[in-house]
C-alpha cells in the first residue's frame, strides 16, 4: 500500500512539474481575480478597487452566526434576491484586508455563495451583490470571542 501511495504522489508531482516547465501552469493562473481589491487595507480602498458604490437592499440576505466562538472559521452564506446577480462579494470591515471573498456567477446560476471566513475581531460582515451596473449591499454584525487573524 505504501508503494502505491508513493508512486501516485511521484506521478502527480511529475505531471505538475511538466506543466510548469511547459508553461501550461503559471502562478498567475491560480491567483484570485479582483486585482487590488484583495490587497486593499481599508474598506474605502476595497470599494474603490471594486469600482462599486452599493445601495442598501432588503433583497440581500446574510446568514452568519451572531456570536462566533472562533474567528478563524466563521461560516457565512449570502443569498441575493436581485434579478440578474452576476457577482457576490463578502467583506469584513474590522479585518486587516477587508475583502474576504468574491464569487463571479455564471448566467443562470442561483445567486448564493457560502464560505468560511476569518475575522480578527467583532465586526460587520458586509455582502455586496452586483447586478448589471448596480451594486446592492447588506450587513450583519458578528461578535468574535477568539480572533482568527493572528489576534
Protein backbone atom coordinates (compact mmCIF):
# COMPACT_ATOMS: atom_id res chain seq x y z
CA UNK A 1 0.00 0.00 0.00
CA UNK A 2 2.84 2.41 0.80
CA UNK A 3 4.48 1.72 -2.56
CA UNK A 4 1.24 2.54 -4.41
CA UNK A 5 0.84 5.83 -2.50
CA UNK A 6 4.46 6.73 -3.21
CA UNK A 7 4.07 6.05 -6.94
CA UNK A 8 0.84 8.06 -7.16
CA UNK A 9 2.48 11.01 -5.41
CA UNK A 10 5.53 10.80 -7.65
CA UNK A 11 3.41 10.74 -10.81
CA UNK A 12 1.32 13.71 -9.64
CA UNK A 13 4.42 15.75 -8.81
CA UNK A 14 5.98 14.87 -12.18
CA UNK A 15 2.85 15.93 -14.06
CA UNK A 16 2.74 19.24 -12.20
CA UNK A 17 6.45 19.79 -12.88
CA UNK A 18 5.98 19.13 -16.60
CA UNK A 19 3.03 21.52 -16.75
CA UNK A 20 5.06 24.28 -15.09
CA UNK A 21 8.13 23.74 -17.29
CA UNK A 22 5.98 23.68 -20.44
CA UNK A 23 4.39 26.98 -19.43
CA UNK A 24 0.91 25.46 -19.14
CA UNK A 25 0.62 26.32 -15.46
CA UNK A 26 1.80 29.67 -14.18
CA UNK A 27 1.42 31.25 -10.74
CA UNK A 28 -0.74 33.98 -12.24
CA UNK A 29 -3.29 31.39 -13.38
CA UNK A 30 -4.03 30.32 -9.81
CA UNK A 31 -4.21 33.82 -8.36
CA UNK A 32 -7.61 35.18 -7.37
CA UNK A 33 -9.32 37.76 -9.53
CA UNK A 34 -10.27 41.07 -8.01
CA UNK A 35 -6.93 42.77 -8.53
CA UNK A 36 -6.12 45.36 -5.91
CA UNK A 37 -9.38 44.81 -4.06
CA UNK A 38 -7.91 41.83 -2.21
CA UNK A 39 -4.82 43.90 -1.36
CA UNK A 40 -6.77 46.88 -0.01
CA UNK A 41 -6.17 47.74 3.64
CA UNK A 42 -9.33 49.78 4.27
CA UNK A 43 -12.98 49.35 3.39
CA UNK A 44 -12.97 52.52 1.25
CA UNK A 45 -9.94 51.31 -0.72
CA UNK A 46 -11.58 47.92 -1.30
CA UNK A 47 -14.79 49.51 -2.57
CA UNK A 48 -12.79 51.86 -4.78
CA UNK A 49 -10.79 48.93 -6.24
CA UNK A 50 -14.03 47.00 -6.83
CA UNK A 51 -15.46 50.12 -8.55
CA UNK A 52 -18.78 49.95 -6.69
CA UNK A 53 -20.99 52.32 -4.76
CA UNK A 54 -23.55 49.95 -3.26
CA UNK A 55 -27.02 50.87 -2.02
CA UNK A 56 -28.76 49.10 0.87
CA UNK A 57 -31.16 46.35 -0.14
CA UNK A 58 -33.51 44.05 1.76
CA UNK A 59 -33.09 41.53 -1.11
CA UNK A 60 -29.58 40.62 0.07
CA UNK A 61 -29.63 38.09 2.93
CA UNK A 62 -26.64 37.18 5.10
CA UNK A 63 -26.68 34.02 7.18
CA UNK A 64 -23.89 34.17 9.77
CA UNK A 65 -23.69 33.43 13.49
CA UNK A 66 -24.41 36.28 15.89
CA UNK A 67 -21.51 35.05 18.04
CA UNK A 68 -18.54 33.24 16.50
CA UNK A 69 -16.63 31.10 19.01
CA UNK A 70 -13.56 31.00 16.76
CA UNK A 71 -12.81 33.84 14.35
CA UNK A 72 -10.63 31.56 12.22
CA UNK A 73 -13.67 29.74 10.79
CA UNK A 74 -16.83 31.84 10.59
CA UNK A 75 -19.45 30.31 8.26
CA UNK A 76 -21.18 32.85 6.04
CA UNK A 77 -23.86 32.37 3.38
CA UNK A 78 -25.07 35.21 1.16
CA UNK A 79 -28.22 34.97 -0.93
CA UNK A 80 -29.32 37.61 -3.42
CA UNK A 81 -32.91 38.17 -4.41
CA UNK A 82 -31.86 40.75 -7.00
CA UNK A 83 -32.57 39.55 -10.54
CA UNK A 84 -29.50 39.23 -12.76
CA UNK A 85 -26.93 38.99 -9.95
CA UNK A 86 -23.53 38.28 -11.50
CA UNK A 87 -21.19 38.73 -8.55
CA UNK A 88 -21.30 38.34 -4.77
CA UNK A 89 -18.54 39.73 -2.54
CA UNK A 90 -18.07 39.35 1.22
CA UNK A 91 -16.18 41.98 3.19
CA UNK A 92 -15.31 42.33 6.89
CA UNK A 93 -14.79 45.92 7.99
CA UNK A 94 -12.62 45.01 11.00
CA UNK A 95 -10.09 42.83 9.14
CA UNK A 96 -6.61 43.96 8.04
CA UNK A 97 -7.72 43.22 4.44
CA UNK A 98 -11.50 43.74 4.24
CA UNK A 99 -12.32 41.75 1.08
CA UNK A 100 -12.72 38.15 2.27
CA UNK A 101 -14.27 36.52 -0.81
CA UNK A 102 -15.53 37.31 -4.30
CA UNK A 103 -17.73 34.96 -6.30
CA UNK A 104 -18.37 35.52 -10.01
CA UNK A 105 -21.57 33.78 -11.02
CA UNK A 106 -22.34 32.35 -14.43
CA UNK A 107 -25.55 33.02 -16.31
CA UNK A 108 -28.47 31.10 -14.85
CA UNK A 109 -26.63 30.40 -11.59
CA UNK A 110 -28.56 30.60 -8.33
CA UNK A 111 -27.29 33.81 -6.67
CA UNK A 112 -25.99 32.24 -3.47
CA UNK A 113 -22.48 31.89 -2.06
CA UNK A 114 -21.34 30.05 1.04
CA UNK A 115 -17.88 30.00 2.58
CA UNK A 116 -15.93 30.24 5.82
CA UNK A 117 -14.05 33.45 6.52
CA UNK A 118 -11.52 34.68 9.07
CA UNK A 119 -12.42 37.51 11.39
CA UNK A 120 -9.89 39.22 13.63
CA UNK A 121 -12.44 40.82 15.96
CA UNK A 122 -16.10 41.72 16.31
CA UNK A 123 -17.12 43.49 13.12
CA UNK A 124 -19.73 43.90 10.43
CA UNK A 125 -19.87 41.28 7.68
CA UNK A 126 -20.88 43.10 4.52
CA UNK A 127 -22.28 41.43 1.42
CA UNK A 128 -22.28 43.16 -1.96
CA UNK A 129 -24.22 41.81 -4.92
CA UNK A 130 -23.65 43.20 -8.40
CA UNK A 131 -26.45 43.08 -10.95
CA UNK A 132 -25.81 44.86 -14.22
CA UNK A 133 -24.14 48.17 -13.49
CA UNK A 134 -25.64 48.46 -9.98
CA UNK A 135 -24.47 47.12 -6.62
CA UNK A 136 -26.56 46.29 -3.58
CA UNK A 137 -25.45 45.66 -0.03
CA UNK A 138 -26.48 44.30 3.36
CA UNK A 139 -24.56 43.92 6.61
CA UNK A 140 -24.68 41.92 9.81
CA UNK A 141 -22.61 42.25 12.96
CA UNK A 142 -20.76 39.13 14.13
CA UNK A 143 -19.29 39.06 17.60
CA UNK A 144 -15.98 37.16 17.75
CA UNK A 145 -14.74 35.66 21.03
CA UNK A 146 -11.35 34.40 19.75
CA UNK A 147 -9.79 36.32 16.84
CA UNK A 148 -8.77 34.43 13.72
CA UNK A 149 -6.42 36.92 12.07
CA UNK A 150 -3.49 36.43 14.38
CA UNK A 151 -5.25 38.02 17.33
